[in-house]
């Protein structure tokens, strides 16, 4: 992550998949797992502009290797608050998430009804989009003042198998753990 380029990104996501495969091998036949990671890692990169930049991710790599055995779930919000930093290594702070930009997945879901929603996608999905639509990416680093730059063009039903939409998010309170030994 030092270089912030496709090669560095791919190295990190391939490493995460390698660690997962080693854990699955260790636990033997029939082992199952749940991976909790950011949308940019679990959603299939081939359904975004990441592919054009030569990037892969956990979701894509696992779907390619374990076809039909991977279930990817994304998460999004229309507005609220989130905990993030202004840059890598910056202190965490509660940041306001402004209303989603017009025409984005989050704004379309909010317009459909300002309720929390669970969308399930399959071959008969009614959400089928012919072109990618902006999908907000809020990660460890977040820049609400540069909101337009936080959107990833996405064909949502190809990126995820399901999508959890929370109309108004609320920042979590981090658990503070005191060191046992000083």
C-alpha atoms as a PDB file:
ATOM      1  CA  UNK A   1       0.000   0.000   0.000  1.00  0.00           C
ATOM      2  CA  UNK A   2       3.008   2.277   0.101  1.00  0.00           C
ATOM      3  CA  UNK A   3       2.828   2.986  -3.633  1.00  0.00           C
ATOM      4  CA  UNK A   4      -0.979   3.222  -3.962  1.00  0.00           C
ATOM      5  CA  UNK A   5      -0.932   1.617  -7.417  1.00  0.00           C
ATOM      6  CA  UNK A   6      -2.573  -1.413  -9.051  1.00  0.00           C
ATOM      7  CA  UNK A   7       0.450  -3.659  -8.467  1.00  0.00           C
ATOM      8  CA  UNK A   8       0.501  -2.871  -4.750  1.00  0.00           C
ATOM      9  CA  UNK A   9      -3.287  -3.345  -4.481  1.00  0.00           C
ATOM     10  CA  UNK A  10      -3.158  -6.688  -6.335  1.00  0.00           C
ATOM     11  CA  UNK A  11      -0.297  -7.930  -4.163  1.00  0.00           C
ATOM     12  CA  UNK A  12      -2.304  -7.171  -1.019  1.00  0.00           C
ATOM     13  CA  UNK A  13      -5.552  -8.787  -2.216  1.00  0.00           C
ATOM     14  CA  UNK A  14      -3.736 -11.849  -3.584  1.00  0.00           C
ATOM     15  CA  UNK A  15      -1.990 -12.188  -0.222  1.00  0.00           C
ATOM     16  CA  UNK A  16      -5.355 -12.055   1.601  1.00  0.00           C
ATOM     17  CA  UNK A  17      -6.697 -14.818  -0.674  1.00  0.00           C
ATOM     18  CA  UNK A  18      -3.539 -16.876  -0.105  1.00  0.00           C
ATOM     19  CA  UNK A  19      -3.940 -16.579   3.680  1.00  0.00           C
ATOM     20  CA  UNK A  20      -7.602 -17.587   3.377  1.00  0.00           C
ATOM     21  CA  UNK A  21      -6.726 -20.638   1.259  1.00  0.00           C
ATOM     22  CA  UNK A  22      -4.067 -21.705   3.769  1.00  0.00           C
ATOM     23  CA  UNK A  23      -6.583 -21.404   6.617  1.00  0.00           C
ATOM     24  CA  UNK A  24      -9.153 -23.435   4.667  1.00  0.00           C
ATOM     25  CA  UNK A  25      -6.521 -26.104   3.949  1.00  0.00           C
ATOM     26  CA  UNK A  26      -5.551 -26.198   7.632  1.00  0.00           C
ATOM     27  CA  UNK A  27      -9.178 -26.713   8.702  1.00  0.00           C
ATOM     28  CA  UNK A  28      -9.742 -29.449   6.124  1.00  0.00           C
ATOM     29  CA  UNK A  29     -12.507 -30.607   3.818  1.00  0.00           C
ATOM     30  CA  UNK A  30     -15.829 -28.915   4.410  1.00  0.00           C
ATOM     31  CA  UNK A  31     -14.284 -25.838   6.024  1.00  0.00           C
ATOM     32  CA  UNK A  32     -16.286 -22.660   5.470  1.00  0.00           C
ATOM     33  CA  UNK A  33     -15.536 -19.052   6.270  1.00  0.00           C
ATOM     34  CA  UNK A  34     -16.944 -15.560   6.333  1.00  0.00           C
ATOM     35  CA  UNK A  35     -14.721 -12.688   5.242  1.00  0.00           C
ATOM     36  CA  UNK A  36     -15.649  -9.227   6.447  1.00  0.00           C
ATOM     37  CA  UNK A  37     -13.897  -6.652   4.305  1.00  0.00           C
ATOM     38  CA  UNK A  38     -14.556  -3.365   2.561  1.00  0.00           C
ATOM     39  CA  UNK A  39     -16.781  -3.389  -0.554  1.00  0.00           C
ATOM     40  CA  UNK A  40     -13.745  -2.676  -2.750  1.00  0.00           C
ATOM     41  CA  UNK A  41     -12.261  -5.997  -1.608  1.00  0.00           C
ATOM     42  CA  UNK A  42     -15.299  -8.336  -1.453  1.00  0.00           C
ATOM     43  CA  UNK A  43     -17.321  -7.052  -4.408  1.00  0.00           C
ATOM     44  CA  UNK A  44     -16.160  -8.531  -7.717  1.00  0.00           C
ATOM     45  CA  UNK A  45     -13.719  -6.053  -9.326  1.00  0.00           C
ATOM     46  CA  UNK A  46     -14.826  -7.128 -12.813  1.00  0.00           C
ATOM     47  CA  UNK A  47     -18.144  -5.312 -12.258  1.00  0.00           C
ATOM     48  CA  UNK A  48     -16.363  -1.985 -11.676  1.00  0.00           C
ATOM     49  CA  UNK A  49     -13.766   0.226 -13.332  1.00  0.00           C
ATOM     50  CA  UNK A  50     -11.069  -1.514 -11.252  1.00  0.00           C
ATOM     51  CA  UNK A  51     -10.712  -4.058 -14.066  1.00  0.00           C
ATOM     52  CA  UNK A  52      -9.794  -1.287 -16.542  1.00  0.00           C
ATOM     53  CA  UNK A  53      -7.012  -0.242 -14.156  1.00  0.00           C
ATOM     54  CA  UNK A  54      -5.618  -3.794 -14.064  1.00  0.00           C
ATOM     55  CA  UNK A  55      -6.800  -4.396 -10.501  1.00  0.00           C
ATOM     56  CA  UNK A  56      -8.163  -7.597  -8.978  1.00  0.00           C
ATOM     57  CA  UNK A  57      -9.681  -8.169  -5.567  1.00  0.00           C
ATOM     58  CA  UNK A  58     -10.685 -10.881  -3.115  1.00  0.00           C
ATOM     59  CA  UNK A  59     -14.211 -11.174  -4.529  1.00  0.00           C
ATOM     60  CA  UNK A  60     -13.018 -11.658  -8.094  1.00  0.00           C
ATOM     61  CA  UNK A  61     -10.192 -14.052  -7.227  1.00  0.00           C
ATOM     62  CA  UNK A  62     -12.416 -16.245  -5.050  1.00  0.00           C
ATOM     63  CA  UNK A  63     -15.250 -16.304  -7.597  1.00  0.00           C
ATOM     64  CA  UNK A  64     -12.787 -17.332 -10.328  1.00  0.00           C
ATOM     65  CA  UNK A  65     -11.343 -20.154  -8.210  1.00  0.00           C
ATOM     66  CA  UNK A  66     -14.447 -21.318  -6.323  1.00  0.00           C
ATOM     67  CA  UNK A  67     -17.173 -20.730  -8.900  1.00  0.00           C
ATOM     68  CA  UNK A  68     -20.618 -20.997  -7.307  1.00  0.00           C
ATOM     69  CA  UNK A  69     -19.235 -21.364  -3.776  1.00  0.00           C
ATOM     70  CA  UNK A  70     -18.755 -17.653  -3.002  1.00  0.00           C
ATOM     71  CA  UNK A  71     -21.505 -15.309  -1.836  1.00  0.00           C
ATOM     72  CA  UNK A  72     -20.546 -11.617  -1.828  1.00  0.00           C
ATOM     73  CA  UNK A  73     -22.575  -9.101   0.182  1.00  0.00           C
ATOM     74  CA  UNK A  74     -22.060  -5.341  -0.188  1.00  0.00           C
ATOM     75  CA  UNK A  75     -23.099  -2.526   2.123  1.00  0.00           C
ATOM     76  CA  UNK A  76     -24.066   1.073   1.436  1.00  0.00           C
ATOM     77  CA  UNK A  77     -25.740   4.101   2.975  1.00  0.00           C
ATOM     78  CA  UNK A  78     -27.530   7.190   1.749  1.00  0.00           C
ATOM     79  CA  UNK A  79     -26.319   9.522   4.530  1.00  0.00           C
ATOM     80  CA  UNK A  80     -25.313   9.598   8.185  1.00  0.00           C
ATOM     81  CA  UNK A  81     -21.998   9.346   9.992  1.00  0.00           C
ATOM     82  CA  UNK A  82     -18.980   7.070   9.765  1.00  0.00           C
ATOM     83  CA  UNK A  83     -15.645   6.626  11.543  1.00  0.00           C
ATOM     84  CA  UNK A  84     -12.642   7.162   9.267  1.00  0.00           C
ATOM     85  CA  UNK A  85      -9.414   9.115   8.907  1.00  0.00           C
ATOM     86  CA  UNK A  86      -8.390  11.892   6.524  1.00  0.00           C
ATOM     87  CA  UNK A  87      -5.415   9.790   5.365  1.00  0.00           C
ATOM     88  CA  UNK A  88      -3.649   6.505   6.131  1.00  0.00           C
ATOM     89  CA  UNK A  89      -2.457   6.541   9.745  1.00  0.00           C
ATOM     90  CA  UNK A  90      -4.534   9.607  10.681  1.00  0.00           C
ATOM     91  CA  UNK A  91      -6.555   9.510  13.900  1.00  0.00           C
ATOM     92  CA  UNK A  92     -10.071   8.157  13.526  1.00  0.00           C
ATOM     93  CA  UNK A  93     -12.883  10.652  13.792  1.00  0.00           C
ATOM     94  CA  UNK A  94     -16.614  10.750  13.280  1.00  0.00           C
ATOM     95  CA  UNK A  95     -17.344  12.216   9.857  1.00  0.00           C
ATOM     96  CA  UNK A  96     -20.645  13.277   8.347  1.00  0.00           C
ATOM     97  CA  UNK A  97     -21.680  11.328   5.265  1.00  0.00           C
ATOM     98  CA  UNK A  98     -23.632  13.737   3.057  1.00  0.00           C
ATOM     99  CA  UNK A  99     -26.658  12.592   1.070  1.00  0.00           C
ATOM    100  CA  UNK A 100     -25.607  10.406  -1.856  1.00  0.00           C
ATOM    101  CA  UNK A 101     -25.140  12.106  -5.222  1.00  0.00           C
ATOM    102  CA  UNK A 102     -28.013  12.047  -7.696  1.00  0.00           C
ATOM    103  CA  UNK A 103     -28.154   8.940  -9.854  1.00  0.00           C
ATOM    104  CA  UNK A 104     -25.916   6.818  -7.592  1.00  0.00           C
ATOM    105  CA  UNK A 105     -27.023   3.402  -6.314  1.00  0.00           C
ATOM    106  CA  UNK A 106     -27.444   4.849  -2.829  1.00  0.00           C
ATOM    107  CA  UNK A 107     -29.581   7.755  -4.042  1.00  0.00           C
ATOM    108  CA  UNK A 108     -31.718   5.450  -6.205  1.00  0.00           C
ATOM    109  CA  UNK A 109     -32.364   3.154  -3.232  1.00  0.00           C
ATOM    110  CA  UNK A 110     -33.181   6.127  -0.992  1.00  0.00           C
ATOM    111  CA  UNK A 111     -35.607   7.442  -3.611  1.00  0.00           C
ATOM    112  CA  UNK A 112     -37.272   4.010  -3.797  1.00  0.00           C
ATOM    113  CA  UNK A 113     -38.085   4.402  -0.099  1.00  0.00           C
ATOM    114  CA  UNK A 114     -36.019   5.798   2.772  1.00  0.00           C
ATOM    115  CA  UNK A 115     -35.991   2.441   4.540  1.00  0.00           C
ATOM    116  CA  UNK A 116     -33.214  -0.035   5.196  1.00  0.00           C
ATOM    117  CA  UNK A 117     -33.263  -2.671   2.458  1.00  0.00           C
ATOM    118  CA  UNK A 118     -31.796  -6.045   1.576  1.00  0.00           C
ATOM    119  CA  UNK A 119     -31.431  -6.706  -2.145  1.00  0.00           C
ATOM    120  CA  UNK A 120     -30.858 -10.249  -3.385  1.00  0.00           C
ATOM    121  CA  UNK A 121     -29.491 -10.697  -6.899  1.00  0.00           C
ATOM    122  CA  UNK A 122     -29.688 -13.668  -9.235  1.00  0.00           C
ATOM    123  CA  UNK A 123     -30.051 -14.368 -12.942  1.00  0.00           C
ATOM    124  CA  UNK A 124     -33.611 -13.007 -12.815  1.00  0.00           C
ATOM    125  CA  UNK A 125     -32.740  -9.799 -10.944  1.00  0.00           C
ATOM    126  CA  UNK A 126     -34.947  -6.828 -11.715  1.00  0.00           C
ATOM    127  CA  UNK A 127     -32.014  -4.519 -10.919  1.00  0.00           C
ATOM    128  CA  UNK A 128     -30.200  -5.307 -14.140  1.00  0.00           C
ATOM    129  CA  UNK A 129     -28.279  -2.286 -15.377  1.00  0.00           C
ATOM    130  CA  UNK A 130     -26.811  -2.034 -18.839  1.00  0.00           C
ATOM    131  CA  UNK A 131     -24.195   0.466 -17.722  1.00  0.00           C
ATOM    132  CA  UNK A 132     -22.282   1.032 -14.490  1.00  0.00           C
ATOM    133  CA  UNK A 133     -23.795   3.382 -11.919  1.00  0.00           C
ATOM    134  CA  UNK A 134     -21.823   5.188  -9.202  1.00  0.00           C
ATOM    135  CA  UNK A 135     -21.590   3.300  -5.885  1.00  0.00           C
ATOM    136  CA  UNK A 136     -20.123   5.133  -2.873  1.00  0.00           C
ATOM    137  CA  UNK A 137     -16.918   3.745  -1.357  1.00  0.00           C
ATOM    138  CA  UNK A 138     -16.333   4.775   2.237  1.00  0.00           C
ATOM    139  CA  UNK A 139     -13.227   3.203   3.706  1.00  0.00           C
ATOM    140  CA  UNK A 140     -10.590   3.742   6.352  1.00  0.00           C
ATOM    141  CA  UNK A 141      -9.775   6.973   4.531  1.00  0.00           C
ATOM    142  CA  UNK A 142     -12.758   9.127   3.637  1.00  0.00           C
ATOM    143  CA  UNK A 143     -13.050  12.595   2.117  1.00  0.00           C
ATOM    144  CA  UNK A 144     -16.642  13.855   2.401  1.00  0.00           C
ATOM    145  CA  UNK A 145     -15.601  17.203   0.886  1.00  0.00           C
ATOM    146  CA  UNK A 146     -14.511  15.386  -2.286  1.00  0.00           C
ATOM    147  CA  UNK A 147     -17.705  13.353  -2.444  1.00  0.00           C
ATOM    148  CA  UNK A 148     -17.758  12.783  -6.221  1.00  0.00           C
ATOM    149  CA  UNK A 149     -14.368  11.048  -5.993  1.00  0.00           C
ATOM    150  CA  UNK A 150     -15.801   8.494  -3.540  1.00  0.00           C
ATOM    151  CA  UNK A 151     -17.947   6.740  -6.174  1.00  0.00           C
ATOM    152  CA  UNK A 152     -16.976   3.606  -8.108  1.00  0.00           C
ATOM    153  CA  UNK A 153     -18.838   2.874 -11.376  1.00  0.00           C
ATOM    154  CA  UNK A 154     -20.584  -0.432 -10.595  1.00  0.00           C
ATOM    155  CA  UNK A 155     -22.938  -2.971 -12.124  1.00  0.00           C
ATOM    156  CA  UNK A 156     -24.273  -3.886  -8.717  1.00  0.00           C
ATOM    157  CA  UNK A 157     -25.866  -7.274  -9.447  1.00  0.00           C
ATOM    158  CA  UNK A 158     -22.579  -8.502 -10.959  1.00  0.00           C
ATOM    159  CA  UNK A 159     -20.451  -7.106  -8.142  1.00  0.00           C
ATOM    160  CA  UNK A 160     -22.486  -8.657  -5.303  1.00  0.00           C
ATOM    161  CA  UNK A 161     -24.916 -11.491  -4.689  1.00  0.00           C
ATOM    162  CA  UNK A 162     -26.735  -9.333  -2.144  1.00  0.00           C
ATOM    163  CA  UNK A 163     -26.602  -5.718  -1.004  1.00  0.00           C
ATOM    164  CA  UNK A 164     -27.505  -4.295   2.406  1.00  0.00           C
ATOM    165  CA  UNK A 165     -28.693  -0.706   2.211  1.00  0.00           C
ATOM    166  CA  UNK A 166     -28.875   1.384   5.377  1.00  0.00           C
ATOM    167  CA  UNK A 167     -30.608   4.665   4.617  1.00  0.00           C
ATOM    168  CA  UNK A 168     -29.015   6.543   7.544  1.00  0.00           C
ATOM    169  CA  UNK A 169     -25.792   5.170   9.005  1.00  0.00           C
ATOM    170  CA  UNK A 170     -24.446   5.897  12.459  1.00  0.00           C
ATOM    171  CA  UNK A 171     -20.730   5.781  13.283  1.00  0.00           C
ATOM    172  CA  UNK A 172     -19.602   2.966  15.529  1.00  0.00           C
ATOM    173  CA  UNK A 173     -17.820   3.614  18.794  1.00  0.00           C
ATOM    174  CA  UNK A 174     -14.418   1.890  18.708  1.00  0.00           C
ATOM    175  CA  UNK A 175     -13.635  -0.569  21.478  1.00  0.00           C
ATOM    176  CA  UNK A 176     -10.630   0.677  23.392  1.00  0.00           C
ATOM    177  CA  UNK A 177      -8.454  -2.125  24.713  1.00  0.00           C
ATOM    178  CA  UNK A 178      -5.896  -1.288  27.367  1.00  0.00           C
ATOM    179  CA  UNK A 179      -2.578  -3.131  27.033  1.00  0.00           C
ATOM    180  CA  UNK A 180      -2.126  -5.978  29.538  1.00  0.00           C
ATOM    181  CA  UNK A 181       1.569  -5.323  29.952  1.00  0.00           C
ATOM    182  CA  UNK A 182       3.384  -2.037  29.762  1.00  0.00           C
END
